[in-house]
Amino acid sequence: MKGELLEAHIPDDKWAAESVLRIAWQISTFRQGGVLMHGCGFAWGDRGFAAIGHSTAGKSTLARLSCGPPGDATLLTDEIVQLFPDGRLFGTPFRSDTETPGTPGDVRLESLLLLTKGVHEQLDVVPATTAIPELLGQLYRGTSEEMSPAEAVRRVLALVDRVGVQRLTFRKDPVVGAFLQRSLKR
């Protein structure tokens, strides 16, 4: 990295190329005041959700279930969400399900969701003191030194203050999409 110039020598390997693109996306996001997190993003119109979680938390499953009938949400991404403290959510071109590309776009973030698998759909408010460590644990960290840990905490706190965090308990059933869509109308 030389000032505004990012120079990369990429081996002939698609994963190496994607890694470089992720780092470039991360630097761009940091410089614009945002963060990247491991999560899926989906929307109804101009309002959406970012579901944040570790591998196996159910991000891709939730994205697939919410974007099919009866929920019919628009998938933004099922891998890495771009979030800004002013409450904007963008999808990214990165995905875990190669069969279902997202539609990266700008929507107003309704809420951050932390995922729990369960026997029925339920949303519960999560206090910031509980949510912040989980969210910080899902920040996408490349090799960039663009943002200090203190700045990462500040940005996540600002985001939580603006949109709040809810725990989504859900089962592997397409009704979860319609359940979340109804919660937007409240």
C-alpha atoms as a PDB file:
ATOM      1  CA  MET A   1       0.000   0.000   0.000  1.00  0.00           C
ATOM      2  CA  LYS A   2       1.528   3.274  -1.147  1.00  0.00           C
ATOM      3  CA  GLY A   3      -0.688   6.217  -0.187  1.00  0.00           C
ATOM      4  CA  GLU A   4      -3.809   5.855  -2.311  1.00  0.00           C
ATOM      5  CA  LEU A   5      -2.276   3.134  -4.516  1.00  0.00           C
ATOM      6  CA  LEU A   6      -2.830  -0.528  -3.739  1.00  0.00           C
ATOM      7  CA  GLU A   7      -0.388  -2.685  -5.643  1.00  0.00           C
ATOM      8  CA  ALA A   8      -0.988  -6.429  -5.747  1.00  0.00           C
ATOM      9  CA  HIS A   9       0.807  -9.310  -7.379  1.00  0.00           C
ATOM     10  CA  ILE A  10      -1.800 -12.046  -7.551  1.00  0.00           C
ATOM     11  CA  PRO A  11      -0.902 -15.671  -8.246  1.00  0.00           C
ATOM     12  CA  ASP A  12      -3.021 -17.498 -10.811  1.00  0.00           C
ATOM     13  CA  ASP A  13      -5.466 -18.723  -8.177  1.00  0.00           C
ATOM     14  CA  LYS A  14      -9.073 -17.576  -7.765  1.00  0.00           C
ATOM     15  CA  TRP A  15      -8.870 -17.661  -3.948  1.00  0.00           C
ATOM     16  CA  ALA A  16      -5.755 -15.487  -3.926  1.00  0.00           C
ATOM     17  CA  ALA A  17      -7.487 -13.013  -6.243  1.00  0.00           C
ATOM     18  CA  GLU A  18     -10.569 -12.939  -4.012  1.00  0.00           C
ATOM     19  CA  SER A  19      -8.399 -12.353  -0.935  1.00  0.00           C
ATOM     20  CA  VAL A  20      -6.863  -9.302  -2.566  1.00  0.00           C
ATOM     21  CA  LEU A  21     -10.315  -8.002  -3.512  1.00  0.00           C
ATOM     22  CA  ARG A  22     -11.511  -8.503   0.076  1.00  0.00           C
ATOM     23  CA  ILE A  23      -8.569  -6.480   1.393  1.00  0.00           C
ATOM     24  CA  ALA A  24      -9.240  -3.701  -1.118  1.00  0.00           C
ATOM     25  CA  TRP A  25     -12.949  -3.716  -0.153  1.00  0.00           C
ATOM     26  CA  GLN A  26     -11.968  -3.566   3.504  1.00  0.00           C
ATOM     27  CA  ILE A  27      -9.631  -0.605   3.017  1.00  0.00           C
ATOM     28  CA  SER A  28     -12.281   1.240   1.019  1.00  0.00           C
ATOM     29  CA  THR A  29     -14.909   0.547   3.699  1.00  0.00           C
ATOM     30  CA  PHE A  30     -12.631   1.688   6.530  1.00  0.00           C
ATOM     31  CA  ARG A  31     -11.757   4.894   4.692  1.00  0.00           C
ATOM     32  CA  GLN A  32     -15.463   5.630   4.222  1.00  0.00           C
ATOM     33  CA  GLY A  33     -16.101   5.202   7.957  1.00  0.00           C
ATOM     34  CA  GLY A  34     -17.628   1.708   7.932  1.00  0.00           C
ATOM     35  CA  VAL A  35     -16.856  -1.861   8.961  1.00  0.00           C
ATOM     36  CA  LEU A  36     -17.156  -5.276   7.344  1.00  0.00           C
ATOM     37  CA  MET A  37     -18.657  -8.167   9.314  1.00  0.00           C
ATOM     38  CA  HIS A  38     -19.230 -11.836   8.695  1.00  0.00           C
ATOM     39  CA  GLY A  39     -22.931 -11.889   8.029  1.00  0.00           C
ATOM     40  CA  CYS A  40     -25.755 -12.046   5.572  1.00  0.00           C
ATOM     41  CA  GLY A  41     -27.813  -9.094   4.476  1.00  0.00           C
ATOM     42  CA  PHE A  42     -31.281  -9.042   2.964  1.00  0.00           C
ATOM     43  CA  ALA A  43     -33.962  -6.429   2.444  1.00  0.00           C
ATOM     44  CA  TRP A  44     -37.562  -5.665   1.667  1.00  0.00           C
ATOM     45  CA  GLY A  45     -37.604  -2.444  -0.301  1.00  0.00           C
ATOM     46  CA  ASP A  46     -35.215   0.061   1.262  1.00  0.00           C
ATOM     47  CA  ARG A  47     -35.139  -1.569   4.729  1.00  0.00           C
ATOM     48  CA  GLY A  48     -33.102  -4.558   5.712  1.00  0.00           C
ATOM     49  CA  PHE A  49     -31.385  -6.745   8.248  1.00  0.00           C
ATOM     50  CA  ALA A  50     -27.805  -7.836   8.792  1.00  0.00           C
ATOM     51  CA  ALA A  51     -27.563 -11.218  10.480  1.00  0.00           C
ATOM     52  CA  ILE A  52     -24.150 -11.560  12.091  1.00  0.00           C
ATOM     53  CA  GLY A  53     -22.602 -14.797  13.244  1.00  0.00           C
ATOM     54  CA  HIS A  54     -19.739 -17.248  13.212  1.00  0.00           C
ATOM     55  CA  SER A  55     -19.483 -20.142  10.761  1.00  0.00           C
ATOM     56  CA  THR A  56     -22.390 -22.583  11.234  1.00  0.00           C
ATOM     57  CA  ALA A  57     -24.535 -19.914  12.971  1.00  0.00           C
ATOM     58  CA  GLY A  58     -27.022 -20.120  10.092  1.00  0.00           C
ATOM     59  CA  LYS A  59     -26.266 -16.988   8.051  1.00  0.00           C
ATOM     60  CA  SER A  60     -26.506 -18.635   4.625  1.00  0.00           C
ATOM     61  CA  THR A  61     -29.482 -20.733   5.719  1.00  0.00           C
ATOM     62  CA  LEU A  62     -31.292 -17.626   6.967  1.00  0.00           C
ATOM     63  CA  ALA A  63     -30.487 -15.767   3.741  1.00  0.00           C
ATOM     64  CA  ARG A  64     -31.793 -18.624   1.595  1.00  0.00           C
ATOM     65  CA  LEU A  65     -34.956 -19.037   3.676  1.00  0.00           C
ATOM     66  CA  SER A  66     -35.711 -15.295   3.823  1.00  0.00           C
ATOM     67  CA  CYS A  67     -35.202 -14.718   0.116  1.00  0.00           C
ATOM     68  CA  GLY A  68     -37.488 -17.505  -1.051  1.00  0.00           C
ATOM     69  CA  PRO A  69     -41.257 -17.661  -0.678  1.00  0.00           C
ATOM     70  CA  PRO A  70     -43.083 -16.634   1.467  1.00  0.00           C
ATOM     71  CA  GLY A  71     -40.642 -13.911   2.621  1.00  0.00           C
ATOM     72  CA  ASP A  72     -39.255 -13.011  -0.823  1.00  0.00           C
ATOM     73  CA  ALA A  73     -36.570 -10.662   0.477  1.00  0.00           C
ATOM     74  CA  THR A  74     -33.816  -9.368  -1.788  1.00  0.00           C
ATOM     75  CA  LEU A  75     -30.502 -11.000  -0.967  1.00  0.00           C
ATOM     76  CA  LEU A  76     -27.690  -8.478  -0.544  1.00  0.00           C
ATOM     77  CA  THR A  77     -25.017 -10.995   0.479  1.00  0.00           C
ATOM     78  CA  ASP A  78     -24.668 -14.214   2.439  1.00  0.00           C
ATOM     79  CA  GLU A  79     -21.019 -13.788   3.459  1.00  0.00           C
ATOM     80  CA  ILE A  80     -19.769 -10.285   4.323  1.00  0.00           C
ATOM     81  CA  VAL A  81     -21.899  -7.207   5.021  1.00  0.00           C
ATOM     82  CA  GLN A  82     -20.700  -3.629   4.769  1.00  0.00           C
ATOM     83  CA  LEU A  83     -22.101  -1.512   7.626  1.00  0.00           C
ATOM     84  CA  PHE A  84     -21.892   2.192   8.385  1.00  0.00           C
ATOM     85  CA  PRO A  85     -22.537   3.872  11.761  1.00  0.00           C
ATOM     86  CA  ASP A  86     -25.241   6.041  10.164  1.00  0.00           C
ATOM     87  CA  GLY A  87     -27.348   2.880   9.731  1.00  0.00           C
ATOM     88  CA  ARG A  88     -26.649   1.967   6.102  1.00  0.00           C
ATOM     89  CA  LEU A  89     -26.221  -1.636   5.005  1.00  0.00           C
ATOM     90  CA  PHE A  90     -24.625  -2.746   1.771  1.00  0.00           C
ATOM     91  CA  GLY A  91     -24.147  -6.208   0.387  1.00  0.00           C
ATOM     92  CA  THR A  92     -20.764  -7.189  -0.984  1.00  0.00           C
ATOM     93  CA  PRO A  93     -19.812  -9.326  -3.971  1.00  0.00           C
ATOM     94  CA  PHE A  94     -18.433 -12.005  -1.637  1.00  0.00           C
ATOM     95  CA  ARG A  95     -20.598 -15.046  -1.051  1.00  0.00           C
ATOM     96  CA  SER A  96     -20.492 -18.553   0.330  1.00  0.00           C
ATOM     97  CA  ASP A  97     -23.258 -19.926  -1.900  1.00  0.00           C
ATOM     98  CA  THR A  98     -21.991 -19.715  -5.469  1.00  0.00           C
ATOM     99  CA  GLU A  99     -25.444 -20.583  -6.813  1.00  0.00           C
ATOM    100  CA  THR A 100     -27.115 -17.541  -5.249  1.00  0.00           C
ATOM    101  CA  PRO A 101     -25.399 -14.247  -5.999  1.00  0.00           C
ATOM    102  CA  GLY A 102     -26.425 -11.260  -3.950  1.00  0.00           C
ATOM    103  CA  THR A 103     -27.529  -7.875  -5.164  1.00  0.00           C
ATOM    104  CA  PRO A 104     -25.184  -5.439  -3.465  1.00  0.00           C
ATOM    105  CA  GLY A 105     -27.117  -2.282  -2.761  1.00  0.00           C
ATOM    106  CA  ASP A 106     -27.737   0.425  -0.206  1.00  0.00           C
ATOM    107  CA  VAL A 107     -30.581  -0.085   2.291  1.00  0.00           C
ATOM    108  CA  ARG A 108     -31.452   1.329   5.691  1.00  0.00           C
ATOM    109  CA  LEU A 109     -30.457  -1.137   8.381  1.00  0.00           C
ATOM    110  CA  GLU A 110     -33.454  -2.001  10.546  1.00  0.00           C
ATOM    111  CA  SER A 111     -31.524  -4.077  13.075  1.00  0.00           C
ATOM    112  CA  LEU A 112     -28.455  -6.191  13.610  1.00  0.00           C
ATOM    113  CA  LEU A 113     -29.431  -9.786  14.284  1.00  0.00           C
ATOM    114  CA  LEU A 114     -27.453 -12.317  16.303  1.00  0.00           C
ATOM    115  CA  LEU A 115     -28.504 -15.832  15.367  1.00  0.00           C
ATOM    116  CA  THR A 116     -29.661 -18.757  17.469  1.00  0.00           C
ATOM    117  CA  LYS A 117     -31.202 -21.941  16.144  1.00  0.00           C
ATOM    118  CA  GLY A 118     -34.409 -22.924  17.885  1.00  0.00           C
ATOM    119  CA  VAL A 119     -37.871 -24.451  17.549  1.00  0.00           C
ATOM    120  CA  HIS A 120     -39.773 -21.263  16.656  1.00  0.00           C
ATOM    121  CA  GLU A 121     -39.152 -17.733  15.403  1.00  0.00           C
ATOM    122  CA  GLN A 122     -38.571 -15.076  18.030  1.00  0.00           C
ATOM    123  CA  LEU A 123     -36.873 -11.685  18.271  1.00  0.00           C
ATOM    124  CA  ASP A 124     -35.433 -10.506  21.580  1.00  0.00           C
ATOM    125  CA  VAL A 125     -33.599  -7.254  22.289  1.00  0.00           C
ATOM    126  CA  VAL A 126     -29.944  -7.811  23.173  1.00  0.00           C
ATOM    127  CA  PRO A 127     -28.302  -5.289  25.506  1.00  0.00           C
ATOM    128  CA  ALA A 128     -25.263  -3.532  24.044  1.00  0.00           C
ATOM    129  CA  THR A 129     -23.018  -4.983  26.760  1.00  0.00           C
ATOM    130  CA  THR A 130     -23.846  -8.486  25.512  1.00  0.00           C
ATOM    131  CA  ALA A 131     -23.934  -7.646  21.800  1.00  0.00           C
ATOM    132  CA  ILE A 132     -20.701  -5.675  21.426  1.00  0.00           C
ATOM    133  CA  PRO A 133     -18.276  -8.572  22.143  1.00  0.00           C
ATOM    134  CA  GLU A 134     -20.181 -10.852  19.730  1.00  0.00           C
ATOM    135  CA  LEU A 135     -20.197  -8.204  17.013  1.00  0.00           C
ATOM    136  CA  LEU A 136     -16.522  -7.341  17.457  1.00  0.00           C
ATOM    137  CA  GLY A 137     -15.725 -11.042  17.172  1.00  0.00           C
ATOM    138  CA  GLN A 138     -17.295 -11.064  13.703  1.00  0.00           C
ATOM    139  CA  LEU A 139     -15.479  -8.047  12.270  1.00  0.00           C
ATOM    140  CA  TYR A 140     -13.734  -8.909   9.054  1.00  0.00           C
ATOM    141  CA  ARG A 141     -10.055  -8.481   9.693  1.00  0.00           C
ATOM    142  CA  GLY A 142      -7.764  -8.567   6.717  1.00  0.00           C
ATOM    143  CA  THR A 143      -4.153  -7.547   6.813  1.00  0.00           C
ATOM    144  CA  SER A 144      -4.869  -3.837   6.605  1.00  0.00           C
ATOM    145  CA  GLU A 145      -3.730  -1.516   9.382  1.00  0.00           C
ATOM    146  CA  GLU A 146      -6.265   1.103   8.303  1.00  0.00           C
ATOM    147  CA  MET A 147      -8.290   1.056  11.542  1.00  0.00           C
ATOM    148  CA  SER A 148      -7.179   0.772  15.165  1.00  0.00           C
ATOM    149  CA  PRO A 149      -9.015  -1.551  17.570  1.00  0.00           C
ATOM    150  CA  ALA A 150     -10.319   1.510  19.446  1.00  0.00           C
ATOM    151  CA  GLU A 151     -11.762   2.938  16.225  1.00  0.00           C
ATOM    152  CA  ALA A 152     -13.398  -0.420  15.413  1.00  0.00           C
ATOM    153  CA  VAL A 153     -15.084  -0.393  18.837  1.00  0.00           C
ATOM    154  CA  ARG A 154     -16.227   3.218  18.331  1.00  0.00           C
ATOM    155  CA  ARG A 155     -17.794   2.403  14.950  1.00  0.00           C
ATOM    156  CA  VAL A 156     -19.560  -0.721  16.214  1.00  0.00           C
ATOM    157  CA  LEU A 157     -20.869   1.161  19.274  1.00  0.00           C
ATOM    158  CA  ALA A 158     -22.231   3.930  17.035  1.00  0.00           C
ATOM    159  CA  LEU A 159     -23.965   1.352  14.855  1.00  0.00           C
ATOM    160  CA  VAL A 160     -25.488  -0.447  17.852  1.00  0.00           C
ATOM    161  CA  ASP A 161     -26.666   2.874  19.312  1.00  0.00           C
ATOM    162  CA  ARG A 162     -28.368   3.770  16.030  1.00  0.00           C
ATOM    163  CA  VAL A 163     -30.089   0.485  15.067  1.00  0.00           C
ATOM    164  CA  GLY A 164     -29.958  -1.833  18.075  1.00  0.00           C
ATOM    165  CA  VAL A 165     -29.318  -5.545  18.229  1.00  0.00           C
ATOM    166  CA  GLN A 166     -31.802  -8.378  18.439  1.00  0.00           C
ATOM    167  CA  ARG A 167     -31.342 -12.085  18.920  1.00  0.00           C
ATOM    168  CA  LEU A 168     -33.193 -13.980  16.201  1.00  0.00           C
ATOM    169  CA  THR A 169     -34.147 -17.469  17.219  1.00  0.00           C
ATOM    170  CA  PHE A 170     -35.247 -19.383  14.142  1.00  0.00           C
ATOM    171  CA  ARG A 171     -35.800 -22.838  12.776  1.00  0.00           C
ATOM    172  CA  LYS A 172     -34.897 -24.133   9.346  1.00  0.00           C
ATOM    173  CA  ASP A 173     -38.252 -23.151   7.852  1.00  0.00           C
ATOM    174  CA  PRO A 174     -39.175 -20.613   5.153  1.00  0.00           C
ATOM    175  CA  VAL A 175     -41.614 -18.894   7.533  1.00  0.00           C
ATOM    176  CA  VAL A 176     -38.638 -17.026   9.042  1.00  0.00           C
ATOM    177  CA  GLY A 177     -38.579 -14.650   6.058  1.00  0.00           C
ATOM    178  CA  ALA A 178     -42.232 -13.696   6.448  1.00  0.00           C
ATOM    179  CA  PHE A 179     -41.704 -13.392  10.226  1.00  0.00           C
ATOM    180  CA  LEU A 180     -38.897 -10.863   9.720  1.00  0.00           C
ATOM    181  CA  GLN A 181     -40.837  -9.020   7.021  1.00  0.00           C
ATOM    182  CA  ARG A 182     -43.737  -8.563   9.461  1.00  0.00           C
ATOM    183  CA  SER A 183     -41.353  -7.183  12.082  1.00  0.00           C
ATOM    184  CA  LEU A 184     -40.418  -4.385   9.653  1.00  0.00           C
ATOM    185  CA  LYS A 185     -44.022  -3.173   9.705  1.00  0.00           C
ATOM    186  CA  ARG A 186     -44.057  -2.581  13.456  1.00  0.00           C
END
